[in-house]
Protein backbone atom coordinates (compact mmCIF):
# COMPACT_ATOMS: atom_id res chain seq x y z
CA MET A 1 -62.92 -19.54 51.44
CA LEU A 2 -61.64 -23.07 51.95
CA LYS A 3 -63.97 -26.07 52.25
CA LEU A 4 -63.37 -29.77 52.71
CA LYS A 5 -66.49 -31.83 52.19
CA ASP A 6 -66.70 -35.54 53.03
CA VAL A 7 -62.93 -35.97 52.39
CA HIS A 8 -61.44 -39.44 52.57
CA THR A 9 -57.71 -39.99 52.35
CA TYR A 10 -55.76 -43.24 52.39
CA TYR A 11 -52.16 -44.35 52.81
CA GLY A 12 -52.32 -47.69 51.02
CA ASN A 13 -54.95 -49.60 52.95
CA ILE A 14 -54.87 -47.25 55.95
CA HIS A 15 -57.94 -45.03 56.02
CA ALA A 16 -56.46 -41.76 57.43
CA LEU A 17 -59.20 -39.28 56.88
CA LYS A 18 -62.76 -40.67 57.22
CA GLY A 19 -65.16 -38.20 55.64
CA ILE A 20 -64.08 -34.96 57.18
CA ASN A 21 -66.04 -31.72 56.81
CA LEU A 22 -64.27 -28.47 57.54
CA GLU A 23 -64.59 -24.83 56.57
CA VAL A 24 -62.13 -21.88 56.76
CA THR A 25 -63.51 -18.40 56.39
CA GLU A 26 -61.42 -15.54 54.93
CA GLY A 27 -59.38 -13.66 57.56
CA GLU A 28 -59.80 -16.35 60.28
CA VAL A 29 -57.27 -18.16 62.30
CA ILE A 30 -58.39 -21.82 62.55
CA SER A 31 -56.80 -24.50 64.71
CA LEU A 32 -57.09 -28.24 64.31
CA ILE A 33 -56.08 -30.15 67.44
CA GLY A 34 -55.94 -33.83 68.32
CA ALA A 35 -53.66 -36.66 69.45
CA ASN A 36 -50.71 -37.94 67.49
CA GLY A 37 -51.84 -39.98 64.44
CA ALA A 38 -55.34 -38.42 64.49
CA GLY A 39 -54.99 -37.24 60.90
CA LYS A 40 -54.19 -33.57 61.44
CA SER A 41 -51.12 -33.37 59.22
CA THR A 42 -52.82 -35.49 56.58
CA THR A 43 -55.65 -32.89 56.54
CA LEU A 44 -53.12 -30.22 55.55
CA MET A 45 -51.27 -32.40 53.04
CA THR A 46 -54.55 -33.36 51.41
CA THR A 47 -55.54 -29.70 51.17
CA SER A 48 -52.14 -28.94 49.59
CA GLY A 49 -52.43 -31.74 47.07
CA ILE A 50 -49.44 -33.68 48.51
CA VAL A 51 -51.57 -36.64 49.55
CA PRO A 52 -54.52 -36.94 47.20
CA ALA A 53 -58.10 -37.29 48.50
CA LYS A 54 -59.65 -40.52 47.36
CA GLN A 55 -63.19 -39.30 47.94
CA GLY A 56 -64.97 -36.00 48.66
CA SER A 57 -64.06 -32.51 47.51
CA ILE A 58 -61.89 -29.53 48.39
CA THR A 59 -62.81 -26.09 47.12
CA PHE A 60 -60.98 -22.84 47.39
CA LYS A 61 -62.96 -19.68 46.74
CA GLY A 62 -65.51 -21.89 44.97
CA GLN A 63 -62.92 -23.60 42.68
CA ASP A 64 -62.53 -27.33 42.93
CA ILE A 65 -58.88 -28.06 43.83
CA THR A 66 -59.38 -31.68 44.91
CA HIS A 67 -57.07 -33.18 42.23
CA MET A 68 -55.06 -30.13 41.38
CA PRO A 69 -51.21 -30.38 41.41
CA SER A 70 -49.49 -28.86 44.46
CA ASP A 71 -47.70 -26.10 42.53
CA ASP A 72 -50.96 -24.93 41.01
CA ILE A 73 -52.52 -24.83 44.49
CA VAL A 74 -49.64 -22.62 45.61
CA LYS A 75 -50.29 -20.30 42.66
CA LEU A 76 -53.88 -19.96 43.75
CA GLY A 77 -52.73 -18.78 47.15
CA ILE A 78 -52.50 -21.80 49.54
CA CYS A 79 -49.03 -22.40 51.02
CA GLN A 80 -47.98 -24.93 53.66
CA VAL A 81 -45.25 -24.68 56.25
CA PRO A 82 -44.53 -28.41 56.70
CA GLU A 83 -43.89 -30.25 59.97
CA GLY A 84 -40.13 -30.30 60.72
CA ARG A 85 -39.60 -27.03 58.75
CA ARG A 86 -38.04 -28.62 55.63
CA ILE A 87 -35.90 -25.58 54.75
CA PHE A 88 -33.12 -25.91 52.19
CA PRO A 89 -30.15 -26.52 54.57
CA TYR A 90 -27.35 -25.71 52.13
CA LEU A 91 -28.89 -22.45 50.89
CA THR A 92 -28.51 -19.21 52.77
CA ILE A 93 -31.41 -17.52 54.51
CA ALA A 94 -31.70 -15.06 51.61
CA GLU A 95 -31.62 -17.89 49.07
CA ASN A 96 -34.33 -19.76 50.96
CA LEU A 97 -36.54 -16.64 50.78
CA ASP A 98 -35.88 -16.40 47.05
CA MET A 99 -37.07 -19.98 46.64
CA GLY A 100 -40.24 -19.08 48.37
CA ALA A 101 -40.91 -16.48 45.64
CA PHE A 102 -40.03 -18.94 42.85
CA LEU A 103 -43.45 -18.69 41.15
CA ARG A 104 -43.43 -14.84 41.15
CA ASN A 105 -41.83 -12.39 38.78
CA ASP A 106 -42.62 -9.04 40.43
CA ALA A 107 -39.12 -8.10 41.60
CA ASN A 108 -39.99 -4.90 43.44
CA GLU A 109 -42.82 -6.57 45.44
CA ILE A 110 -40.56 -9.53 46.22
CA LYS A 111 -38.06 -7.10 47.69
CA LYS A 112 -40.73 -5.57 49.86
CA ASP A 113 -41.87 -8.98 51.07
CA ILE A 114 -38.25 -9.90 51.97
CA GLU A 115 -38.01 -6.78 54.04
CA TYR A 116 -41.32 -7.58 55.69
CA ALA A 117 -40.04 -11.04 56.62
CA TYR A 118 -36.91 -9.49 58.09
CA SER A 119 -38.99 -7.04 60.09
CA LEU A 120 -40.93 -9.97 61.61
CA PHE A 121 -37.75 -11.92 62.38
CA PRO A 122 -34.78 -9.51 62.78
CA ILE A 123 -32.41 -12.44 63.54
CA LEU A 124 -32.88 -13.62 59.90
CA ALA A 125 -31.85 -10.23 58.63
CA GLU A 126 -28.69 -10.38 60.73
CA ARG A 127 -27.86 -13.82 59.43
CA ARG A 128 -29.17 -13.51 55.83
CA ASN A 129 -25.94 -14.95 54.35
CA GLN A 130 -25.81 -17.88 56.81
CA ALA A 131 -26.76 -21.44 55.58
CA GLY A 132 -30.16 -22.50 56.75
CA GLY A 133 -28.91 -25.79 58.11
CA THR A 134 -26.71 -24.03 60.67
CA LEU A 135 -29.66 -22.26 62.32
CA SER A 136 -31.32 -23.34 65.55
CA GLY A 137 -34.72 -25.08 65.45
CA GLY A 138 -36.53 -21.86 66.30
CA GLU A 139 -34.61 -19.87 63.64
CA GLN A 140 -35.38 -22.55 61.07
CA GLN A 141 -39.10 -22.31 61.93
CA MET A 142 -38.89 -18.54 61.46
CA LEU A 143 -37.25 -19.13 58.09
CA ALA A 144 -39.89 -21.73 57.05
CA ILE A 145 -42.70 -19.32 57.89
CA SER A 146 -40.93 -16.42 56.08
CA ARG A 147 -40.29 -18.60 53.03
CA ALA A 148 -44.01 -19.49 52.82
CA LEU A 149 -44.94 -15.81 53.14
CA MET A 150 -42.84 -15.06 50.04
CA SER A 151 -45.50 -16.72 47.91
CA ARG A 152 -48.03 -14.15 49.28
CA PRO A 153 -50.44 -16.80 50.43
CA LYS A 154 -54.12 -16.11 50.95
CA VAL A 155 -54.21 -19.14 53.27
CA LEU A 156 -51.16 -20.15 55.29
CA LEU A 157 -51.15 -23.78 56.50
CA LEU A 158 -48.93 -24.36 59.50
CA ASP A 159 -48.10 -27.89 60.52
CA GLU A 160 -46.95 -28.20 64.16
CA PRO A 161 -45.18 -24.83 64.36
CA SER A 162 -44.17 -25.43 68.02
CA LEU A 163 -42.58 -28.84 67.51
CA GLY A 164 -39.31 -29.27 69.27
CA LEU A 165 -39.00 -25.59 70.27
CA ALA A 166 -38.33 -24.01 73.62
CA PRO A 167 -41.36 -22.39 75.27
CA ILE A 168 -40.00 -18.79 74.87
CA ILE A 169 -39.50 -19.39 71.12
CA VAL A 170 -42.92 -20.96 70.79
CA LYS A 171 -44.56 -17.88 72.29
CA GLN A 172 -42.63 -15.70 69.92
CA ILE A 173 -43.68 -17.76 66.93
CA PHE A 174 -47.36 -17.65 67.92
CA ASP A 175 -47.16 -13.87 68.47
CA ILE A 176 -45.84 -13.50 64.94
CA ILE A 177 -48.56 -15.79 63.57
CA LYS A 178 -51.19 -13.49 65.05
CA LYS A 179 -49.33 -10.46 63.70
CA ILE A 180 -49.26 -11.94 60.19
CA ASN A 181 -53.02 -12.51 60.38
CA GLU A 182 -53.58 -8.91 61.57
CA ASP A 183 -51.17 -7.16 59.22
CA ASN A 184 -52.10 -8.85 55.94
CA LYS A 185 -55.51 -10.35 56.77
CA THR A 186 -53.83 -13.68 55.84
CA THR A 187 -56.11 -16.58 56.70
CA ILE A 188 -54.24 -19.08 58.85
CA PHE A 189 -54.96 -22.79 59.44
CA ILE A 190 -52.85 -24.29 62.28
CA VAL A 191 -52.42 -27.99 63.05
CA GLU A 192 -50.87 -28.17 66.51
CA GLN A 193 -50.45 -30.57 69.42
CA ASN A 194 -50.07 -27.70 71.87
CA ALA A 195 -53.80 -27.36 72.18
CA ASN A 196 -53.65 -24.49 74.70
CA LEU A 197 -51.65 -22.19 72.49
CA ALA A 198 -53.49 -23.22 69.33
CA LEU A 199 -56.92 -22.52 70.74
CA LYS A 200 -55.84 -19.24 72.34
CA ALA A 201 -54.70 -18.07 68.87
CA ALA A 202 -57.78 -19.33 67.04
CA ASP A 203 -61.07 -17.75 66.13
CA ARG A 204 -62.44 -21.24 65.72
CA GLY A 205 -61.15 -24.74 66.34
CA TYR A 206 -61.78 -28.30 65.31
CA VAL A 207 -60.99 -31.43 67.25
CA MET A 208 -59.96 -34.58 65.36
CA GLU A 209 -59.95 -38.15 66.59
CA ASN A 210 -58.98 -41.22 64.46
CA GLY A 211 -59.54 -39.33 61.15
CA VAL A 212 -62.90 -37.85 62.08
CA ILE A 213 -63.81 -34.34 63.22
CA THR A 214 -65.55 -34.80 66.56
CA ILE A 215 -66.07 -31.24 67.82
CA SER A 216 -66.00 -27.68 66.34
CA ASP A 217 -66.54 -24.45 68.16
CA THR A 218 -64.93 -21.11 68.82
CA GLY A 219 -61.41 -21.22 70.26
CA GLU A 220 -62.64 -19.57 73.37
CA ASN A 221 -65.39 -22.14 73.95
CA LEU A 222 -63.08 -25.06 73.31
CA LEU A 223 -60.59 -23.78 75.92
CA VAL A 224 -63.31 -24.06 78.64
CA ASN A 225 -64.91 -27.30 77.37
CA GLU A 226 -64.50 -29.85 80.17
CA ASP A 227 -63.84 -32.77 77.79
CA ILE A 228 -61.18 -30.77 75.86
CA LYS A 229 -59.61 -29.63 79.10
CA LYS A 230 -59.23 -33.25 80.30
CA ALA A 231 -58.11 -34.76 77.02
CA TYR A 232 -55.83 -32.05 75.60
CA LEU A 233 -55.10 -29.33 78.15
CA GLY A 234 -53.98 -31.50 81.08
CA MET A 235 -56.63 -30.09 83.45
């Protein structure tokens, strides 16, 4: 469904992605783990067209999207929940969700998707008229995920969904991520430093070091890999 082939990305003279190869199959949950600065977030931003690839190719359902503008990539069905949430702080929850559906014009279906988001996160329904910036970090993450769902993504890219959240909220967020995958067959690509949670949620996982993919396997196998356990799971 989504394929990165020999992708190189730079920030000025800094070589961030060094020829990565990665595939995401329809309906899967994929996790990309690695240390801070390994290139995980850059992988998602390059896929979304935010940071352009200098070399290599990115295809989505066989279509080359390597140099496609970000808004056109969203129209095709790839939507990213950025690190740090990046909600609209002065807009209400309801208005943030409306912004997520900005590229759509099917009012009745949009209404259904809003109700679905509220069913996933009832606290958002209760506070729908509250400004996004007044929410807790966990509630903002719920809103960021819900806003992305309003575009009806075929692939949902999640950048560090556990960042800065209490463990009980992190578990709730990951339970909902699995539910989204099961309910809608939405393909999900997670970048996450909490390797244990990320691999438990994943069908398959990739490990990245210094801009290079070093290991790929099933999430289950990576969880019991001795090198992974020592490096990322604190075992």
